[in-house]
PDB file of N, CA and C in Angstrom:
ATOM      1  N   MET A   1      12.168  70.918   0.648  1.00  0.00           N
ATOM      2  CA  MET A   1      11.697  70.451  -0.635  1.00  0.00           C
ATOM      3  C   MET A   1      12.468  69.202  -1.079  1.00  0.00           C
ATOM      4  N   LYS A   2      13.794  69.216  -0.875  1.00  0.00           N
ATOM      5  CA  LYS A   2      14.608  68.059  -1.235  1.00  0.00           C
ATOM      6  C   LYS A   2      14.180  66.833  -0.429  1.00  0.00           C
ATOM      7  N   MET A   3      13.859  67.051   0.828  1.00  0.00           N
ATOM      8  CA  MET A   3      13.446  65.959   1.701  1.00  0.00           C
ATOM      9  C   MET A   3      12.157  65.323   1.193  1.00  0.00           C
ATOM     10  N   MET A   4      11.206  66.104   0.755  1.00  0.00           N
ATOM     11  CA  MET A   4       9.934  65.589   0.225  1.00  0.00           C
ATOM     12  C   MET A   4      10.170  64.792  -1.056  1.00  0.00           C
ATOM     13  N   LYS A   5      11.069  65.300  -1.905  1.00  0.00           N
ATOM     14  CA  LYS A   5      11.363  64.613  -3.154  1.00  0.00           C
ATOM     15  C   LYS A   5      12.012  63.257  -2.874  1.00  0.00           C
ATOM     16  N   ARG A   6      12.946  63.228  -1.944  1.00  0.00           N
ATOM     17  CA  ARG A   6      13.605  61.977  -1.581  1.00  0.00           C
ATOM     18  C   ARG A   6      12.610  60.989  -0.979  1.00  0.00           C
ATOM     19  N   LEU A   7      11.731  61.506  -0.149  1.00  0.00           N
ATOM     20  CA  LEU A   7      10.728  60.660   0.479  1.00  0.00           C
ATOM     21  C   LEU A   7       9.782  60.060  -0.559  1.00  0.00           C
ATOM     22  N   SER A   8       9.365  60.870  -1.514  1.00  0.00           N
ATOM     23  CA  SER A   8       8.451  60.350  -2.539  1.00  0.00           C
ATOM     24  C   SER A   8       9.162  59.320  -3.428  1.00  0.00           C
ATOM     25  N   ILE A   9      10.438  59.518  -3.721  1.00  0.00           N
ATOM     26  CA  ILE A   9      11.193  58.537  -4.504  1.00  0.00           C
ATOM     27  C   ILE A   9      11.323  57.238  -3.717  1.00  0.00           C
ATOM     28  N   LEU A  10      11.611  57.350  -2.436  1.00  0.00           N
ATOM     29  CA  LEU A  10      11.740  56.178  -1.585  1.00  0.00           C
ATOM     30  C   LEU A  10      10.426  55.392  -1.527  1.00  0.00           C
ATOM     31  N   ILE A  11       9.316  56.086  -1.418  1.00  0.00           N
ATOM     32  CA  ILE A  11       8.007  55.437  -1.377  1.00  0.00           C
ATOM     33  C   ILE A  11       7.717  54.729  -2.695  1.00  0.00           C
ATOM     34  N   MET A  12       8.030  55.373  -3.818  1.00  0.00           N
ATOM     35  CA  MET A  12       7.792  54.755  -5.118  1.00  0.00           C
ATOM     36  C   MET A  12       8.647  53.511  -5.300  1.00  0.00           C
ATOM     37  N   LEU A  13       9.908  53.571  -4.911  1.00  0.00           N
ATOM     38  CA  LEU A  13      10.794  52.410  -5.026  1.00  0.00           C
ATOM     39  C   LEU A  13      10.321  51.267  -4.138  1.00  0.00           C
ATOM     40  N   SER A  14       9.934  51.592  -2.918  1.00  0.00           N
ATOM     41  CA  SER A  14       9.464  50.568  -1.986  1.00  0.00           C
ATOM     42  C   SER A  14       8.222  49.873  -2.501  1.00  0.00           C
ATOM     43  N   SER A  15       7.281  50.648  -3.007  1.00  0.00           N
ATOM     44  CA  SER A  15       6.042  50.041  -3.487  1.00  0.00           C
ATOM     45  C   SER A  15       6.278  49.224  -4.752  1.00  0.00           C
ATOM     46  N   SER A  16       7.184  49.662  -5.619  1.00  0.00           N
ATOM     47  CA  SER A  16       7.444  48.873  -6.825  1.00  0.00           C
ATOM     48  C   SER A  16       8.152  47.566  -6.482  1.00  0.00           C
ATOM     49  N   LEU A  17       9.035  47.573  -5.494  1.00  0.00           N
ATOM     50  CA  LEU A  17       9.678  46.340  -5.062  1.00  0.00           C
ATOM     51  C   LEU A  17       8.672  45.392  -4.427  1.00  0.00           C
ATOM     52  N   PHE A  18       7.760  45.942  -3.644  1.00  0.00           N
ATOM     53  CA  PHE A  18       6.728  45.126  -3.011  1.00  0.00           C
ATOM     54  C   PHE A  18       5.833  44.487  -4.060  1.00  0.00           C
ATOM     55  N   LEU A  19       5.398  45.261  -5.012  1.00  0.00           N
ATOM     56  CA  LEU A  19       4.499  44.746  -6.040  1.00  0.00           C
ATOM     57  C   LEU A  19       5.187  43.743  -6.948  1.00  0.00           C
ATOM     58  N   SER A  20       6.470  43.910  -7.206  1.00  0.00           N
ATOM     59  CA  SER A  20       7.168  42.947  -8.059  1.00  0.00           C
ATOM     60  C   SER A  20       7.282  41.596  -7.375  1.00  0.00           C
ATOM     61  N   GLY A  21       7.343  41.576  -6.062  1.00  0.00           N
ATOM     62  CA  GLY A  21       7.392  40.323  -5.319  1.00  0.00           C
ATOM     63  C   GLY A  21       6.057  39.614  -5.277  1.00  0.00           C
ATOM     64  N   CYS A  22       4.987  40.306  -5.565  1.00  0.00           N
ATOM     65  CA  CYS A  22       3.653  39.722  -5.514  1.00  0.00           C
ATOM     66  C   CYS A  22       3.261  39.026  -6.808  1.00  0.00           C
ATOM     67  N   SER A  23       4.113  39.003  -7.786  1.00  0.00           N
ATOM     68  CA  SER A  23       3.755  38.403  -9.068  1.00  0.00           C
ATOM     69  C   SER A  23       4.257  36.972  -9.199  1.00  0.00           C
ATOM     70  N   ALA A  24       4.406  36.267  -8.092  1.00  0.00           N
ATOM     71  CA  ALA A  24       4.917  34.899  -8.120  1.00  0.00           C
ATOM     72  C   ALA A  24       3.941  33.925  -8.770  1.00  0.00           C
ATOM     73  N   GLN A  25       2.686  34.315  -8.936  1.00  0.00           N
ATOM     74  CA  GLN A  25       1.700  33.421  -9.512  1.00  0.00           C
ATOM     75  C   GLN A  25       1.981  33.095 -10.965  1.00  0.00           C
ATOM     76  N   GLU A  26       2.761  33.906 -11.648  1.00  0.00           N
ATOM     77  CA  GLU A  26       3.024  33.652 -13.059  1.00  0.00           C
ATOM     78  C   GLU A  26       3.756  32.342 -13.290  1.00  0.00           C
ATOM     79  N   ASN A  27       4.432  31.806 -12.266  1.00  0.00           N
ATOM     80  CA  ASN A  27       5.169  30.552 -12.398  1.00  0.00           C
ATOM     81  C   ASN A  27       4.341  29.337 -11.994  1.00  0.00           C
ATOM     82  N   GLN A  28       3.124  29.550 -11.514  1.00  0.00           N
ATOM     83  CA  GLN A  28       2.307  28.435 -11.074  1.00  0.00           C
ATOM     84  C   GLN A  28       1.715  27.701 -12.264  1.00  0.00           C
ATOM     85  N   LYS A  29       1.606  26.391 -12.097  1.00  0.00           N
ATOM     86  CA  LYS A  29       1.012  25.589 -13.151  1.00  0.00           C
ATOM     87  C   LYS A  29      -0.442  25.292 -12.787  1.00  0.00           C
ATOM     88  N   THR A  30      -1.267  25.111 -13.794  1.00  0.00           N
ATOM     89  CA  THR A  30      -2.672  24.784 -13.581  1.00  0.00           C
ATOM     90  C   THR A  30      -2.894  23.326 -13.944  1.00  0.00           C
ATOM     91  N   GLU A  31      -3.438  22.578 -12.997  1.00  0.00           N
ATOM     92  CA  GLU A  31      -3.752  21.174 -13.224  1.00  0.00           C
ATOM     93  C   GLU A  31      -5.195  20.948 -12.822  1.00  0.00           C
ATOM     94  N   TYR A  32      -5.875  20.120 -13.574  1.00  0.00           N
ATOM     95  CA  TYR A  32      -7.244  19.762 -13.248  1.00  0.00           C
ATOM     96  C   TYR A  32      -7.250  18.348 -12.692  1.00  0.00           C
ATOM     97  N   ILE A  33      -7.836  18.207 -11.511  1.00  0.00           N
ATOM     98  CA  ILE A  33      -7.834  16.925 -10.825  1.00  0.00           C
ATOM     99  C   ILE A  33      -9.283  16.524 -10.537  1.00  0.00           C
ATOM    100  N   LYS A  34      -9.624  15.289 -10.882  1.00  0.00           N
ATOM    101  CA  LYS A  34     -10.953  14.783 -10.573  1.00  0.00           C
ATOM    102  C   LYS A  34     -11.090  14.650  -9.062  1.00  0.00           C
ATOM    103  N   ALA A  35     -12.220  15.081  -8.530  1.00  0.00           N
ATOM    104  CA  ALA A  35     -12.454  15.030  -7.088  1.00  0.00           C
ATOM    105  C   ALA A  35     -12.315  13.610  -6.546  1.00  0.00           C
ATOM    106  N   SER A  36     -12.710  12.620  -7.328  1.00  0.00           N
ATOM    107  CA  SER A  36     -12.631  11.233  -6.866  1.00  0.00           C
ATOM    108  C   SER A  36     -11.192  10.725  -6.758  1.00  0.00           C
ATOM    109  N   ASN A  37     -10.247  11.441  -7.376  1.00  0.00           N
ATOM    110  CA  ASN A  37      -8.838  11.032  -7.328  1.00  0.00           C
ATOM    111  C   ASN A  37      -8.046  11.736  -6.221  1.00  0.00           C
ATOM    112  N   ILE A  38      -8.677  12.654  -5.506  1.00  0.00           N
ATOM    113  CA  ILE A  38      -7.943  13.419  -4.489  1.00  0.00           C
ATOM    114  C   ILE A  38      -7.780  12.604  -3.213  1.00  0.00           C
ATOM    115  N   LYS A  39      -6.557  12.571  -2.740  1.00  0.00           N
ATOM    116  CA  LYS A  39      -6.216  11.915  -1.479  1.00  0.00           C
ATOM    117  C   LYS A  39      -5.555  12.947  -0.576  1.00  0.00           C
ATOM    118  N   LYS A  40      -5.827  12.870   0.720  1.00  0.00           N
ATOM    119  CA  LYS A  40      -5.252  13.811   1.683  1.00  0.00           C
ATOM    120  C   LYS A  40      -4.330  13.064   2.637  1.00  0.00           C
ATOM    121  N   GLU A  41      -3.121  13.597   2.778  1.00  0.00           N
ATOM    122  CA  GLU A  41      -2.128  13.021   3.692  1.00  0.00           C
ATOM    123  C   GLU A  41      -1.692  14.087   4.692  1.00  0.00           C
ATOM    124  N   ILE A  42      -1.517  13.683   5.922  1.00  0.00           N
ATOM    125  CA  ILE A  42      -0.901  14.539   6.943  1.00  0.00           C
ATOM    126  C   ILE A  42       0.403  13.851   7.311  1.00  0.00           C
ATOM    127  N   ILE A  43       1.504  14.494   6.950  1.00  0.00           N
ATOM    128  CA  ILE A  43       2.820  13.885   7.150  1.00  0.00           C
ATOM    129  C   ILE A  43       3.583  14.662   8.219  1.00  0.00           C
ATOM    130  N   PRO A  44       3.992  13.985   9.305  1.00  0.00           N
ATOM    131  CA  PRO A  44       4.805  14.655  10.332  1.00  0.00           C
ATOM    132  C   PRO A  44       6.161  15.062   9.749  1.00  0.00           C
ATOM    133  N   VAL A  45       6.596  16.282  10.059  1.00  0.00           N
ATOM    134  CA  VAL A  45       7.866  16.800   9.540  1.00  0.00           C
ATOM    135  C   VAL A  45       8.674  17.406  10.678  1.00  0.00           C
ATOM    136  N   ASP A  46       9.936  17.026  10.775  1.00  0.00           N
ATOM    137  CA  ASP A  46      10.858  17.618  11.748  1.00  0.00           C
ATOM    138  C   ASP A  46      11.824  18.547  11.025  1.00  0.00           C
ATOM    139  N   GLY A  47      12.201  19.617  11.697  1.00  0.00           N
ATOM    140  CA  GLY A  47      13.213  20.517  11.156  1.00  0.00           C
ATOM    141  C   GLY A  47      12.693  21.885  10.756  1.00  0.00           C
ATOM    142  N   MET A  48      11.376  22.058  10.659  1.00  0.00           N
ATOM    143  CA  MET A  48      10.835  23.382  10.338  1.00  0.00           C
ATOM    144  C   MET A  48      10.853  24.232  11.603  1.00  0.00           C
ATOM    145  N   THR A  49      11.356  25.453  11.490  1.00  0.00           N
ATOM    146  CA  THR A  49      11.450  26.323  12.666  1.00  0.00           C
ATOM    147  C   THR A  49      10.743  27.663  12.502  1.00  0.00           C
ATOM    148  N   CYS A  50      10.294  27.972  11.271  1.00  0.00           N
ATOM    149  CA  CYS A  50       9.729  29.299  11.041  1.00  0.00           C
ATOM    150  C   CYS A  50       8.826  29.310   9.812  1.00  0.00           C
ATOM    151  N   LEU A  51       8.236  30.457   9.544  1.00  0.00           N
ATOM    152  CA  LEU A  51       7.377  30.637   8.377  1.00  0.00           C
ATOM    153  C   LEU A  51       8.154  30.420   7.081  1.00  0.00           C
ATOM    154  N   GLY A  52       9.403  30.815   7.056  1.00  0.00           N
ATOM    155  CA  GLY A  52      10.236  30.620   5.876  1.00  0.00           C
ATOM    156  C   GLY A  52      10.406  29.144   5.553  1.00  0.00           C
ATOM    157  N   CYS A  53      10.540  28.311   6.582  1.00  0.00           N
ATOM    158  CA  CYS A  53      10.633  26.862   6.383  1.00  0.00           C
ATOM    159  C   CYS A  53       9.340  26.332   5.771  1.00  0.00           C
ATOM    160  N   GLU A  54       8.207  26.815   6.269  1.00  0.00           N
ATOM    161  CA  GLU A  54       6.918  26.381   5.745  1.00  0.00           C
ATOM    162  C   GLU A  54       6.803  26.701   4.255  1.00  0.00           C
ATOM    163  N   ILE A  55       7.148  27.931   3.896  1.00  0.00           N
ATOM    164  CA  ILE A  55       7.054  28.371   2.501  1.00  0.00           C
ATOM    165  C   ILE A  55       7.998  27.557   1.624  1.00  0.00           C
ATOM    166  N   SER A  56       9.197  27.347   2.085  1.00  0.00           N
ATOM    167  CA  SER A  56      10.186  26.573   1.329  1.00  0.00           C
ATOM    168  C   SER A  56       9.693  25.150   1.074  1.00  0.00           C
ATOM    169  N   LEU A  57       9.155  24.516   2.102  1.00  0.00           N
ATOM    170  CA  LEU A  57       8.658  23.152   1.961  1.00  0.00           C
ATOM    171  C   LEU A  57       7.449  23.101   1.030  1.00  0.00           C
ATOM    172  N   GLU A  58       6.534  24.048   1.180  1.00  0.00           N
ATOM    173  CA  GLU A  58       5.353  24.089   0.319  1.00  0.00           C
ATOM    174  C   GLU A  58       5.746  24.244  -1.151  1.00  0.00           C
ATOM    175  N   LYS A  59       6.698  25.113  -1.428  1.00  0.00           N
ATOM    176  CA  LYS A  59       7.159  25.308  -2.813  1.00  0.00           C
ATOM    177  C   LYS A  59       7.763  24.033  -3.380  1.00  0.00           C
ATOM    178  N   ALA A  60       8.537  23.333  -2.574  1.00  0.00           N
ATOM    179  CA  ALA A  60       9.169  22.094  -3.035  1.00  0.00           C
ATOM    180  C   ALA A  60       8.120  21.033  -3.354  1.00  0.00           C
ATOM    181  N   ILE A  61       7.118  20.908  -2.510  1.00  0.00           N
ATOM    182  CA  ILE A  61       6.080  19.910  -2.730  1.00  0.00           C
ATOM    183  C   ILE A  61       5.225  20.277  -3.941  1.00  0.00           C
ATOM    184  N   LEU A  62       4.964  21.554  -4.131  1.00  0.00           N
ATOM    185  CA  LEU A  62       4.163  21.996  -5.276  1.00  0.00           C
ATOM    186  C   LEU A  62       4.839  21.702  -6.620  1.00  0.00           C
ATOM    187  N   GLN A  63       6.134  21.421  -6.607  1.00  0.00           N
ATOM    188  CA  GLN A  63       6.840  21.075  -7.837  1.00  0.00           C
ATOM    189  C   GLN A  63       6.479  19.674  -8.330  1.00  0.00           C
ATOM    190  N   GLU A  64       5.957  18.856  -7.448  1.00  0.00           N
ATOM    191  CA  GLU A  64       5.581  17.489  -7.817  1.00  0.00           C
ATOM    192  C   GLU A  64       4.287  17.506  -8.633  1.00  0.00           C
ATOM    193  N   ASP A  65       4.119  16.526  -9.496  1.00  0.00           N
ATOM    194  CA  ASP A  65       2.907  16.399 -10.296  1.00  0.00           C
ATOM    195  C   ASP A  65       1.714  16.030  -9.424  1.00  0.00           C
ATOM    196  N   GLY A  66       0.561  16.577  -9.770  1.00  0.00           N
ATOM    197  CA  GLY A  66      -0.690  16.167  -9.145  1.00  0.00           C
ATOM    198  C   GLY A  66      -1.000  16.781  -7.795  1.00  0.00           C
ATOM    199  N   ILE A  67      -0.270  17.798  -7.380  1.00  0.00           N
ATOM    200  CA  ILE A  67      -0.522  18.418  -6.079  1.00  0.00           C
ATOM    201  C   ILE A  67      -1.677  19.405  -6.217  1.00  0.00           C
ATOM    202  N   ALA A  68      -2.712  19.219  -5.397  1.00  0.00           N
ATOM    203  CA  ALA A  68      -3.870  20.109  -5.417  1.00  0.00           C
ATOM    204  C   ALA A  68      -3.728  21.209  -4.371  1.00  0.00           C
ATOM    205  N   LYS A  69      -3.222  20.844  -3.197  1.00  0.00           N
ATOM    206  CA  LYS A  69      -3.135  21.801  -2.091  1.00  0.00           C
ATOM    207  C   LYS A  69      -2.076  21.332  -1.108  1.00  0.00           C
ATOM    208  N   VAL A  70      -1.341  22.282  -0.547  1.00  0.00           N
ATOM    209  CA  VAL A  70      -0.343  21.931   0.454  1.00  0.00           C
ATOM    210  C   VAL A  70      -0.286  23.033   1.510  1.00  0.00           C
ATOM    211  N   LYS A  71      -0.208  22.626   2.786  1.00  0.00           N
ATOM    212  CA  LYS A  71      -0.097  23.588   3.880  1.00  0.00           C
ATOM    213  C   LYS A  71       0.825  23.007   4.938  1.00  0.00           C
ATOM    214  N   ALA A  72       1.986  23.643   5.094  1.00  0.00           N
ATOM    215  CA  ALA A  72       2.960  23.218   6.106  1.00  0.00           C
ATOM    216  C   ALA A  72       2.783  24.060   7.366  1.00  0.00           C
ATOM    217  N   SER A  73       3.073  23.463   8.513  1.00  0.00           N
ATOM    218  CA  SER A  73       2.989  24.180   9.788  1.00  0.00           C
ATOM    219  C   SER A  73       4.187  23.807  10.661  1.00  0.00           C
ATOM    220  N   HIS A  74       5.022  24.808  10.939  1.00  0.00           N
ATOM    221  CA  HIS A  74       6.172  24.513  11.800  1.00  0.00           C
ATOM    222  C   HIS A  74       5.739  24.350  13.255  1.00  0.00           C
ATOM    223  N   THR A  75       4.639  24.979  13.648  1.00  0.00           N
ATOM    224  CA  THR A  75       4.172  24.834  15.026  1.00  0.00           C
ATOM    225  C   THR A  75       3.516  23.479  15.272  1.00  0.00           C
ATOM    226  N   ASP A  76       2.793  22.976  14.271  1.00  0.00           N
ATOM    227  CA  ASP A  76       2.149  21.666  14.398  1.00  0.00           C
ATOM    228  C   ASP A  76       3.076  20.527  13.960  1.00  0.00           C
ATOM    229  N   LYS A  77       4.203  20.893  13.364  1.00  0.00           N
ATOM    230  CA  LYS A  77       5.227  19.939  12.919  1.00  0.00           C
ATOM    231  C   LYS A  77       4.688  18.899  11.931  1.00  0.00           C
ATOM    232  N   HIS A  78       3.903  19.401  10.964  1.00  0.00           N
ATOM    233  CA  HIS A  78       3.427  18.515   9.906  1.00  0.00           C
ATOM    234  C   HIS A  78       3.092  19.310   8.651  1.00  0.00           C
ATOM    235  N   VAL A  79       2.843  18.566   7.585  1.00  0.00           N
ATOM    236  CA  VAL A  79       2.398  19.162   6.329  1.00  0.00           C
ATOM    237  C   VAL A  79       1.153  18.396   5.884  1.00  0.00           C
ATOM    238  N   VAL A  80       0.141  19.155   5.460  1.00  0.00           N
ATOM    239  CA  VAL A  80      -1.094  18.565   4.946  1.00  0.00           C
ATOM    240  C   VAL A  80      -1.053  18.719   3.432  1.00  0.00           C
ATOM    241  N   ILE A  81      -1.195  17.590   2.734  1.00  0.00           N
ATOM    242  CA  ILE A  81      -1.087  17.595   1.278  1.00  0.00           C
ATOM    243  C   ILE A  81      -2.314  16.913   0.684  1.00  0.00           C
ATOM    244  N   GLU A  82      -2.945  17.601  -0.266  1.00  0.00           N
ATOM    245  CA  GLU A  82      -4.011  17.000  -1.056  1.00  0.00           C
ATOM    246  C   GLU A  82      -3.463  16.829  -2.462  1.00  0.00           C
ATOM    247  N   TYR A  83      -3.593  15.606  -2.995  1.00  0.00           N
ATOM    248  CA  TYR A  83      -2.964  15.309  -4.283  1.00  0.00           C
ATOM    249  C   TYR A  83      -3.787  14.309  -5.081  1.00  0.00           C
ATOM    250  N   ASP A  84      -3.468  14.237  -6.365  1.00  0.00           N
ATOM    251  CA  ASP A  84      -4.094  13.280  -7.272  1.00  0.00           C
ATOM    252  C   ASP A  84      -3.379  11.946  -7.109  1.00  0.00           C
ATOM    253  N   LYS A  85      -4.092  10.956  -6.562  1.00  0.00           N
ATOM    254  CA  LYS A  85      -3.473   9.656  -6.278  1.00  0.00           C
ATOM    255  C   LYS A  85      -3.092   8.887  -7.538  1.00  0.00           C
ATOM    256  N   THR A  86      -3.560   9.347  -8.708  1.00  0.00           N
ATOM    257  CA  THR A  86      -3.163   8.690  -9.960  1.00  0.00           C
ATOM    258  C   THR A  86      -1.864   9.265 -10.511  1.00  0.00           C
ATOM    259  N   LYS A  87      -1.381  10.383  -9.932  1.00  0.00           N
ATOM    260  CA  LYS A  87      -0.173  11.030 -10.448  1.00  0.00           C
ATOM    261  C   LYS A  87       1.012  10.988  -9.496  1.00  0.00           C
ATOM    262  N   THR A  88       0.768  10.768  -8.211  1.00  0.00           N
ATOM    263  CA  THR A  88       1.864  10.710  -7.244  1.00  0.00           C
ATOM    264  C   THR A  88       1.448   9.842  -6.070  1.00  0.00           C
ATOM    265  N   ASP A  89       2.365   9.618  -5.150  1.00  0.00           N
ATOM    266  CA  ASP A  89       2.061   8.795  -3.983  1.00  0.00           C
ATOM    267  C   ASP A  89       2.824   9.304  -2.768  1.00  0.00           C
ATOM    268  N   THR A  90       2.544   8.689  -1.636  1.00  0.00           N
ATOM    269  CA  THR A  90       3.141   9.130  -0.372  1.00  0.00           C
ATOM    270  C   THR A  90       4.660   9.061  -0.395  1.00  0.00           C
ATOM    271  N   SER A  91       5.227   8.009  -0.968  1.00  0.00           N
ATOM    272  CA  SER A  91       6.692   7.878  -0.976  1.00  0.00           C
ATOM    273  C   SER A  91       7.348   9.000  -1.787  1.00  0.00           C
ATOM    274  N   THR A  92       6.708   9.433  -2.863  1.00  0.00           N
ATOM    275  CA  THR A  92       7.237  10.553  -3.658  1.00  0.00           C
ATOM    276  C   THR A  92       7.175  11.844  -2.851  1.00  0.00           C
ATOM    277  N   LEU A  93       6.100  12.031  -2.112  1.00  0.00           N
ATOM    278  CA  LEU A  93       5.958  13.235  -1.283  1.00  0.00           C
ATOM    279  C   LEU A  93       6.996  13.248  -0.170  1.00  0.00           C
ATOM    280  N   ILE A  94       7.214  12.109   0.450  1.00  0.00           N
ATOM    281  CA  ILE A  94       8.227  12.017   1.515  1.00  0.00           C
ATOM    282  C   ILE A  94       9.620  12.292   0.945  1.00  0.00           C
ATOM    283  N   LYS A  95       9.892  11.793  -0.250  1.00  0.00           N
ATOM    284  CA  LYS A  95      11.179  12.057  -0.889  1.00  0.00           C
ATOM    285  C   LYS A  95      11.353  13.565  -1.140  1.00  0.00           C
ATOM    286  N   ALA A  96      10.292  14.249  -1.570  1.00  0.00           N
ATOM    287  CA  ALA A  96      10.358  15.699  -1.795  1.00  0.00           C
ATOM    288  C   ALA A  96      10.630  16.442  -0.488  1.00  0.00           C
ATOM    289  N   ILE A  97      10.021  15.979   0.591  1.00  0.00           N
ATOM    290  CA  ILE A  97      10.246  16.594   1.908  1.00  0.00           C
ATOM    291  C   ILE A  97      11.708  16.415   2.319  1.00  0.00           C
ATOM    292  N   LYS A  98      12.218  15.205   2.181  1.00  0.00           N
ATOM    293  CA  LYS A  98      13.608  14.913   2.563  1.00  0.00           C
ATOM    294  C   LYS A  98      14.600  15.663   1.675  1.00  0.00           C
ATOM    295  N   ASN A  99      14.302  15.774   0.391  1.00  0.00           N
ATOM    296  CA  ASN A  99      15.175  16.525  -0.526  1.00  0.00           C
ATOM    297  C   ASN A  99      15.198  18.016  -0.201  1.00  0.00           C
ATOM    298  N   SER A 100      14.187  18.479   0.523  1.00  0.00           N
ATOM    299  CA  SER A 100      14.133  19.883   0.936  1.00  0.00           C
ATOM    300  C   SER A 100      14.911  20.135   2.223  1.00  0.00           C
ATOM    301  N   GLY A 101      15.447  19.070   2.812  1.00  0.00           N
ATOM    302  CA  GLY A 101      16.273  19.225   4.016  1.00  0.00           C
ATOM    303  C   GLY A 101      15.542  18.952   5.314  1.00  0.00           C
ATOM    304  N   TYR A 102      14.345  18.410   5.243  1.00  0.00           N
ATOM    305  CA  TYR A 102      13.568  18.112   6.451  1.00  0.00           C
ATOM    306  C   TYR A 102      13.459  16.608   6.602  1.00  0.00           C
ATOM    307  N   THR A 103      13.099  16.165   7.796  1.00  0.00           N
ATOM    308  CA  THR A 103      12.938  14.734   8.045  1.00  0.00           C
ATOM    309  C   THR A 103      11.490  14.430   8.363  1.00  0.00           C
ATOM    310  N   THR A 104      11.118  13.190   8.106  1.00  0.00           N
ATOM    311  CA  THR A 104       9.763  12.744   8.400  1.00  0.00           C
ATOM    312  C   THR A 104       9.834  11.594   9.398  1.00  0.00           C
ATOM    313  N   LYS A 105       8.731  11.308  10.024  1.00  0.00           N
ATOM    314  CA  LYS A 105       8.685  10.216  10.995  1.00  0.00           C
ATOM    315  C   LYS A 105       8.177   8.939  10.346  1.00  0.00           C
ATOM    316  N   GLU A 106       7.982   8.981   9.042  1.00  0.00           N
ATOM    317  CA  GLU A 106       7.480   7.787   8.328  1.00  0.00           C
ATOM    318  C   GLU A 106       8.587   7.105   7.593  1.00  0.00           C
TER     319      GLU A 106
END
């Protein structure tokens, strides 16, 4: 009986920790971007070695103004960024990548 009680407590704690980690959307900002202002860049990035690197880089880039979409790939060694060209530019994006500890070929 004690074993079942411990197991059920462990399951409840595990699920509550999992669910608390899924609420990261509350910190996201909402921006409206005109479709005609969207520009897409594929920037080569060196230094990413894993999924954690991808997530870290994506979060850093999302902090910049005017970012519509970002997808980093450590296997393809690049990041694809869609952004509002009236709010940011390639040099700002490259600076964000470098400030995150990665290097670019541009």
